[in-house]
Every structure is written in C-alpha cells, then in structure tokens.
Amino acid sequence: MALQVKENVPLAPLTTFEIGGSAKYFVDVKTEDEIREALAWAKEKGIKFVVLAGGSNVLVPDEGLNALVIHIAGGEHSFAECELIADAGCDLLELIKTAGKRGLGGWEKLSGIPGTIGGAVRGNAGAFGPEIRDFVVSVDALNAETGETKEFSNSECDFSYRHSFFKDHPEWIITKVQLRLTPISIDISIHLVEETIREREKRHIQNVRAAGSYFVNPVAPKEIQEMFEKEKGMKSREGRVPAGWLIEKAGMKGATVGGAIASLQHPNYIVNQGGATSHDVLNLAQTILSQIETQFGVELHEEAAIL
C-alpha cells in the first residue's frame, strides 16, 4: 500500500473539542484513489473505518476508536468563471477568503464556521442566515460499500436545516464539491469576512474548544414559539426556537460536569474548559436534554456527531 497507515494516533489534537483517545489505525488521504486504497486496506484487515475531516462537530470517545480513521486532509481547488470546484478536505474559511480575492463571494456569512467544505455540505452548515446549500451546484461522492461514484445535484443532496442526504447515508463519502458564487468587490468581501468573524468572537463562538452548536434548534410547540417571539421580538423560523435560548430558560446556562460547561456566553456550546472527557460532555448533554424535555416538552437532538 502506497499510503502510510500509522498506529495509535491521538485524535484529540485533530478535533475542535480537543477531547478523545487514539485511533488504532490512522491514514491521511487527499484524493478519491487514496480513499479507495484506505477502504480496501480496512476491508482486507477486517476492521471498521471512520471518516474524519476538519474535526469540528464531532466527539471522539475517551477510549479512542478501534478502527482505521481515514483523515480527509487538505486537497485541491479550482475556479471557472463564477464556479468553484473544491476537494472535500479544503478548509471552508480558506476557500471563502481565496474566492474573495478573486472577486467571488456571497457566502461570507459562513466565515469562521470551523471545518472543511465536505463537512459543511454534510451538515448543511449555516450562520447568520445563509446555508451552504444556497451555493452548492453538485457534490461528488464515493460509496464505501459498493465502490460506486456519483455526482449528486443540489436537489439530490436533500438539504434541509442542518441536514443532507449524506447524514442519512454515511456510506457515501463526499469527495468534491462544486459551488456557484457571485461577483463581489474584493474589498467588500474582505470586510464581510472580518465583520462576520468579529461577530462570532463577540458571541464567543470562535476558536473555542467545542464542537460548534451541540444541539440543533428544535421545532417547538406553538406556546413555546410564542414565548420566544414575545421575549425576543422576532419570529421563529420554520417553527424552530434556538436551543441555546431553551437551555438558558431551563436554568442550564453555565451547568458543568467535570471539565465540560454549557457556555455562559452561548449555552448551546458545550465547551471543554480543560481536561474535559467525552463522558463529561455526554453526561452534561443528557442532563440538558432531560431538563428541556421536562420543563418544555421539547426534544433536543445532537448536531454534533458522537463517534
């Protein structure tokens, strides 16, 4: 095998949570051929595999993973008029900045969302209004079970709030994304990126040891929606209310278990204060889930992937 498979590689430094044990086996891949090679290696050894990219929105268990971790690392990108084609491992923020320097944008509000373009597509990442689905033309993916490759149109990606086809079908590994951007002044793009990141820093959701928003904003009963609208003076979107608002209303802002805390600034961020374990995070999350259901009759669901 041309790829270098390593053993007992710590995973915590590769995640934004900075939590978790080691991978029994680990390999960096950049191309579809390398992904195929890694999958063949795992099949030959009779072990399962786990795909890891930017390491955001994911919680690794303390005991590590008895698997081959296929790490989608970096990748190439190219432009053709207003379209951008990027390998799944490309960093989202770097792509936004690079496109802006070419006078292409429209997606600057996504600046600062941690992780890769592939991960952003899988979870239909969004912030301050726009979502990645607003820019996706097509997605190339590889079926880990059959070896088939397919180009998915935007509609075939089945995008919805923090959801895509690829979340429901993890056997499909995203390899490449094609996006359509809009012409923009370079100076305006740079300004919007900086402004967006400042806003994220002000809200304490930039460069923290967390997986991003831990829970998706839930669809709430009418009376809960009305309570939110009256208190905040804004309409709920799609019948959803912010999970962070519910967590604060339930008195769980600042709640801790071990080294994990429901952030005092952004309660839907479970933050590793230092030395937090995955068990700390899971126990705190379960306490929050129980309180929200008991007090409001609302069921929260994790946005973070629990490996």
Protein backbone atom coordinates (compact mmCIF):
# COMPACT_ATOMS: atom_id res chain seq x y z
CA MET A 1 0.00 0.00 0.00
CA ALA A 2 1.38 3.38 -1.02
CA LEU A 3 -0.41 5.13 1.82
CA GLN A 4 1.27 5.23 5.21
CA VAL A 5 -1.00 3.73 7.85
CA LYS A 6 0.04 4.78 11.35
CA GLU A 7 -0.88 3.13 14.64
CA ASN A 8 -2.20 4.61 17.90
CA VAL A 9 -2.52 8.19 16.69
CA PRO A 10 -4.04 10.67 19.22
CA LEU A 11 -7.25 12.16 17.83
CA ALA A 12 -7.91 14.93 20.37
CA PRO A 13 -5.49 17.39 18.67
CA LEU A 14 -7.38 16.86 15.39
CA THR A 15 -10.75 17.93 16.81
CA THR A 16 -12.05 21.33 17.86
CA PHE A 17 -13.25 19.77 21.15
CA GLU A 18 -9.68 18.56 21.89
CA ILE A 19 -11.24 15.51 23.50
CA GLY A 20 -10.85 11.78 22.89
CA GLY A 21 -8.45 8.87 22.71
CA SER A 22 -6.37 7.45 19.89
CA ALA A 23 -7.11 5.77 16.59
CA LYS A 24 -5.86 2.19 16.45
CA TYR A 25 -5.02 2.85 12.80
CA PHE A 26 -4.82 6.20 11.02
CA VAL A 27 -4.17 7.38 7.49
CA ASP A 28 -4.15 10.77 5.74
CA VAL A 29 -5.85 10.84 2.33
CA LYS A 30 -6.37 13.60 -0.20
CA THR A 31 -7.72 12.01 -3.38
CA GLU A 32 -10.54 9.64 -4.26
CA ASP A 33 -7.98 6.99 -5.23
CA GLU A 34 -6.36 7.28 -1.80
CA ILE A 35 -9.77 6.95 -0.12
CA ARG A 36 -10.40 3.78 -2.14
CA GLU A 37 -7.00 2.44 -1.13
CA ALA A 38 -7.70 3.12 2.55
CA LEU A 39 -11.12 1.44 2.34
CA ALA A 40 -9.54 -1.61 0.70
CA TRP A 41 -6.96 -1.78 3.49
CA ALA A 42 -9.67 -1.72 6.17
CA LYS A 43 -11.66 -4.40 4.36
CA GLU A 44 -8.60 -6.61 3.99
CA LYS A 45 -7.82 -6.27 7.72
CA GLY A 46 -11.46 -6.86 8.66
CA ILE A 47 -11.76 -3.66 10.69
CA LYS A 48 -14.26 -0.86 10.51
CA PHE A 49 -13.36 2.61 9.31
CA VAL A 50 -14.28 6.12 10.43
CA VAL A 51 -14.00 9.19 8.20
CA LEU A 52 -12.66 12.35 9.88
CA ALA A 53 -12.06 15.68 8.17
CA GLY A 54 -11.80 19.07 9.90
CA GLY A 55 -12.59 17.62 13.32
CA SER A 56 -15.38 20.08 14.10
CA ASN A 57 -18.88 18.98 15.06
CA VAL A 58 -17.56 15.65 16.35
CA LEU A 59 -16.94 13.98 19.72
CA VAL A 60 -14.33 11.21 19.94
CA PRO A 61 -14.72 8.70 22.81
CA ASP A 62 -12.17 8.72 25.62
CA GLU A 63 -11.21 5.12 24.86
CA GLY A 64 -10.39 6.02 21.26
CA LEU A 65 -11.50 4.21 18.13
CA ASN A 66 -10.75 0.59 17.34
CA ALA A 67 -10.85 1.36 13.64
CA LEU A 68 -8.99 2.82 10.70
CA VAL A 69 -9.53 6.58 10.86
CA ILE A 70 -9.48 7.89 7.31
CA HIS A 71 -8.46 11.53 7.68
CA ILE A 72 -9.50 13.69 4.73
CA ALA A 73 -6.58 16.11 4.69
CA GLY A 74 -6.36 19.19 2.52
CA GLY A 75 -6.99 18.99 -1.19
CA GLU A 76 -7.09 20.99 -4.39
CA HIS A 77 -9.50 23.61 -5.69
CA SER A 78 -10.04 25.45 -8.97
CA PHE A 79 -12.19 28.24 -10.40
CA ALA A 80 -14.08 28.50 -13.67
CA GLU A 81 -15.83 31.84 -14.10
CA CYS A 82 -18.23 32.07 -11.09
CA GLU A 83 -17.88 28.43 -10.11
CA LEU A 84 -15.55 26.88 -7.56
CA ILE A 85 -14.67 23.19 -7.50
CA ALA A 86 -13.03 22.03 -4.26
CA ASP A 87 -11.90 18.73 -2.82
CA ALA A 88 -13.82 17.78 0.31
CA GLY A 89 -10.83 18.34 2.60
CA CYS A 90 -10.39 22.01 1.73
CA ASP A 91 -10.78 24.36 4.69
CA LEU A 92 -14.04 26.34 4.41
CA LEU A 93 -12.69 29.67 5.66
CA GLU A 94 -9.64 29.50 3.40
CA LEU A 95 -11.91 28.85 0.40
CA ILE A 96 -14.08 31.85 1.29
CA LYS A 97 -11.00 34.09 1.58
CA THR A 98 -9.43 32.74 -1.62
CA ALA A 99 -12.64 33.22 -3.58
CA GLY A 100 -12.96 36.76 -2.22
CA LYS A 101 -9.51 37.64 -3.53
CA ARG A 102 -10.76 36.62 -6.97
CA GLY A 103 -13.83 38.84 -6.62
CA LEU A 104 -16.24 35.97 -5.94
CA GLY A 105 -18.41 35.67 -2.85
CA GLY A 106 -21.88 35.89 -1.44
CA TRP A 107 -21.10 33.31 1.23
CA GLU A 108 -19.03 35.46 3.58
CA LYS A 109 -21.53 34.96 6.45
CA LEU A 110 -20.26 31.37 6.63
CA SER A 111 -16.79 32.64 7.58
CA GLY A 112 -15.46 31.16 10.79
CA ILE A 113 -17.57 28.01 10.72
CA PRO A 114 -14.85 25.50 11.56
CA GLY A 115 -14.04 22.53 9.38
CA THR A 116 -13.91 21.56 5.73
CA ILE A 117 -16.17 22.16 2.76
CA GLY A 118 -17.11 18.46 2.78
CA GLY A 119 -18.18 18.63 6.41
CA ALA A 120 -20.10 21.83 5.75
CA VAL A 121 -22.05 20.10 2.98
CA ARG A 122 -22.74 17.00 5.06
CA GLY A 123 -24.29 19.08 7.85
CA ASN A 124 -25.64 21.87 5.61
CA ALA A 125 -23.70 24.33 7.75
CA GLY A 126 -25.11 27.82 8.12
CA ALA A 127 -24.72 31.00 10.10
CA PHE A 128 -26.39 34.41 10.24
CA GLY A 129 -28.91 33.37 7.58
CA PRO A 130 -27.16 31.69 4.63
CA GLU A 131 -26.51 27.93 4.46
CA ILE A 132 -24.05 26.05 2.29
CA ARG A 133 -26.93 24.62 0.23
CA ASP A 134 -27.51 28.13 -1.14
CA PHE A 135 -24.24 27.83 -3.09
CA VAL A 136 -23.90 24.12 -3.94
CA VAL A 137 -24.30 23.11 -7.59
CA SER A 138 -23.30 19.47 -7.21
CA VAL A 139 -21.45 17.05 -4.94
CA ASP A 140 -19.26 14.10 -5.95
CA ALA A 141 -19.31 11.15 -3.55
CA LEU A 142 -17.92 7.64 -3.27
CA ASN A 143 -19.96 4.73 -1.93
CA ALA A 144 -17.71 2.93 0.56
CA GLU A 145 -19.74 -0.28 0.28
CA THR A 146 -20.06 -0.65 -3.50
CA GLY A 147 -17.21 1.50 -4.83
CA GLU A 148 -19.70 3.43 -6.96
CA THR A 149 -19.16 7.13 -7.59
CA LYS A 150 -21.99 9.55 -8.23
CA GLU A 151 -22.50 13.23 -8.87
CA PHE A 152 -25.39 14.50 -6.74
CA SER A 153 -27.30 17.57 -7.90
CA ASN A 154 -28.30 20.14 -5.29
CA SER A 155 -31.81 18.66 -5.08
CA GLU A 156 -30.45 15.11 -4.74
CA CYS A 157 -28.43 16.25 -1.72
CA ASP A 158 -31.79 16.56 0.10
CA PHE A 159 -30.70 19.63 2.03
CA SER A 160 -32.77 20.87 4.95
CA TYR A 161 -31.96 22.54 8.26
CA ARG A 162 -28.54 21.13 9.34
CA HIS A 163 -29.23 18.03 7.28
CA SER A 164 -28.33 16.39 4.00
CA PHE A 165 -28.60 13.04 2.23
CA PHE A 166 -25.07 12.30 3.38
CA LYS A 167 -26.01 12.44 7.06
CA ASP A 168 -28.61 9.76 6.47
CA HIS A 169 -26.31 7.70 4.25
CA PRO A 170 -22.81 7.67 5.80
CA GLU A 171 -21.69 5.03 3.31
CA TRP A 172 -21.43 7.90 0.80
CA ILE A 173 -18.16 9.78 1.34
CA ILE A 174 -18.08 13.30 -0.12
CA THR A 175 -15.01 13.76 -2.34
CA LYS A 176 -15.62 17.00 -4.25
CA VAL A 177 -17.99 19.97 -4.16
CA GLN A 178 -18.95 22.38 -6.93
CA LEU A 179 -20.30 25.78 -5.88
CA ARG A 180 -21.65 28.82 -7.69
CA LEU A 181 -20.63 32.18 -6.25
CA THR A 182 -21.47 35.76 -7.23
CA PRO A 183 -19.21 38.62 -8.30
CA ILE A 184 -18.23 40.89 -5.41
CA SER A 185 -15.77 43.67 -4.77
CA ILE A 186 -12.60 42.27 -3.21
CA ASP A 187 -12.64 44.98 -0.52
CA ILE A 188 -16.28 44.27 0.35
CA SER A 189 -15.61 40.53 0.59
CA ILE A 190 -12.66 41.08 2.93
CA HIS A 191 -14.74 43.46 5.04
CA LEU A 192 -17.65 40.98 5.30
CA VAL A 193 -15.33 38.13 6.31
CA GLU A 194 -13.69 40.26 9.02
CA GLU A 195 -17.06 41.56 10.21
CA THR A 196 -18.50 38.04 10.43
CA ILE A 197 -15.55 36.71 12.40
CA ARG A 198 -15.72 39.69 14.78
CA GLU A 199 -19.39 38.89 15.37
CA ARG A 200 -18.53 35.25 16.09
CA GLU A 201 -15.81 36.35 18.52
CA LYS A 202 -18.24 38.73 20.23
CA ARG A 203 -20.62 35.82 20.73
CA HIS A 204 -17.75 33.63 21.99
CA ILE A 205 -18.25 31.06 19.24
CA GLN A 206 -14.91 31.49 17.51
CA ASN A 207 -11.80 29.45 18.36
CA VAL A 208 -13.27 27.76 21.45
CA ARG A 209 -12.79 24.13 22.45
CA ALA A 210 -16.23 23.00 21.36
CA ALA A 211 -17.91 21.14 18.52
CA GLY A 212 -19.91 24.17 17.43
CA SER A 213 -23.60 24.18 18.31
CA TYR A 214 -24.13 20.93 20.19
CA PHE A 215 -27.88 20.67 19.56
CA VAL A 216 -29.91 21.60 16.50
CA ASN A 217 -32.58 24.24 17.04
CA PRO A 218 -35.74 22.21 17.70
CA VAL A 219 -39.26 22.53 16.31
CA ALA A 220 -41.24 23.67 19.36
CA PRO A 221 -44.92 23.63 20.35
CA LYS A 222 -46.88 26.75 19.45
CA GLU A 223 -46.88 28.10 23.01
CA ILE A 224 -43.07 27.82 23.21
CA GLN A 225 -42.73 29.58 19.86
CA GLU A 226 -44.98 32.38 21.10
CA MET A 227 -42.99 32.67 24.33
CA PHE A 228 -39.78 33.05 22.31
CA GLU A 229 -41.31 35.55 19.88
CA LYS A 230 -42.72 37.70 22.69
CA GLU A 231 -39.48 37.67 24.68
CA LYS A 232 -37.08 38.22 21.76
CA GLY A 233 -39.29 40.31 19.48
CA MET A 234 -38.56 38.14 16.45
CA LYS A 235 -40.37 35.42 14.54
CA SER A 236 -39.36 31.80 14.94
CA ARG A 237 -38.10 30.27 11.70
CA GLU A 238 -39.81 27.11 10.46
CA GLY A 239 -41.39 26.70 13.88
CA ARG A 240 -37.95 26.36 15.48
CA VAL A 241 -36.62 28.12 18.55
CA PRO A 242 -32.92 28.45 19.46
CA ALA A 243 -31.64 25.55 21.54
CA GLY A 244 -29.42 27.99 23.44
CA TRP A 245 -32.46 30.05 24.45
CA LEU A 246 -34.21 26.93 25.78
CA ILE A 247 -31.08 25.86 27.66
CA GLU A 248 -30.88 29.29 29.31
CA LYS A 249 -34.63 29.29 30.12
CA ALA A 250 -34.19 25.89 31.75
CA GLY A 251 -31.53 27.30 34.06
CA MET A 252 -28.79 25.20 32.46
CA LYS A 253 -26.54 28.02 31.23
CA GLY A 254 -23.20 27.55 32.99
CA ALA A 255 -24.06 24.00 34.07
CA THR A 256 -20.96 21.84 34.39
CA VAL A 257 -19.97 18.20 34.52
CA GLY A 258 -16.28 17.65 35.14
CA GLY A 259 -14.39 19.86 32.70
CA ALA A 260 -17.39 20.48 30.42
CA ILE A 261 -19.61 23.56 30.66
CA ALA A 262 -22.72 24.85 28.87
CA SER A 263 -21.13 28.13 27.84
CA LEU A 264 -22.09 31.23 29.81
CA GLN A 265 -21.95 33.24 26.59
CA HIS A 266 -23.58 30.76 24.20
CA PRO A 267 -25.31 27.95 26.13
CA ASN A 268 -25.70 25.70 23.07
CA TYR A 269 -21.92 25.45 23.02
CA ILE A 270 -20.67 22.71 25.34
CA VAL A 271 -17.10 23.83 25.97
CA ASN A 272 -14.06 21.89 27.11
CA GLN A 273 -12.71 24.10 29.91
CA GLY A 274 -9.60 21.95 30.08
CA GLY A 275 -9.36 18.27 30.83
CA ALA A 276 -12.96 17.50 29.87
CA THR A 277 -13.65 13.92 28.83
CA SER A 278 -16.18 12.67 26.32
CA HIS A 279 -18.10 11.21 29.28
CA ASP A 280 -18.27 14.69 30.85
CA VAL A 281 -19.73 16.07 27.62
CA LEU A 282 -22.21 13.23 27.18
CA ASN A 283 -23.38 13.41 30.79
CA LEU A 284 -23.85 17.18 30.60
CA ALA A 285 -25.70 16.84 27.29
CA GLN A 286 -28.00 14.20 28.77
CA THR A 287 -28.79 16.42 31.74
CA ILE A 288 -29.65 19.28 29.39
CA LEU A 289 -31.83 17.00 27.24
CA SER A 290 -33.75 15.81 30.28
CA GLN A 291 -34.32 19.30 31.65
CA ILE A 292 -35.56 20.69 28.32
CA GLU A 293 -37.98 17.80 27.85
CA THR A 294 -39.23 18.01 31.44
CA GLN A 295 -39.69 21.77 31.50
CA PHE A 296 -40.83 22.47 27.94
CA GLY A 297 -41.87 19.17 26.41
CA VAL A 298 -39.29 19.73 23.67
CA GLU A 299 -36.93 17.01 22.48
CA LEU A 300 -33.43 18.17 21.58
CA HIS A 301 -31.26 16.32 19.07
CA GLU A 302 -27.49 16.46 18.81
CA GLU A 303 -25.93 18.30 15.91
CA ALA A 304 -22.51 17.02 16.95
CA ALA A 305 -21.64 13.55 15.68
CA ILE A 306 -20.90 11.14 18.54
CA LEU A 307 -18.36 8.65 17.21
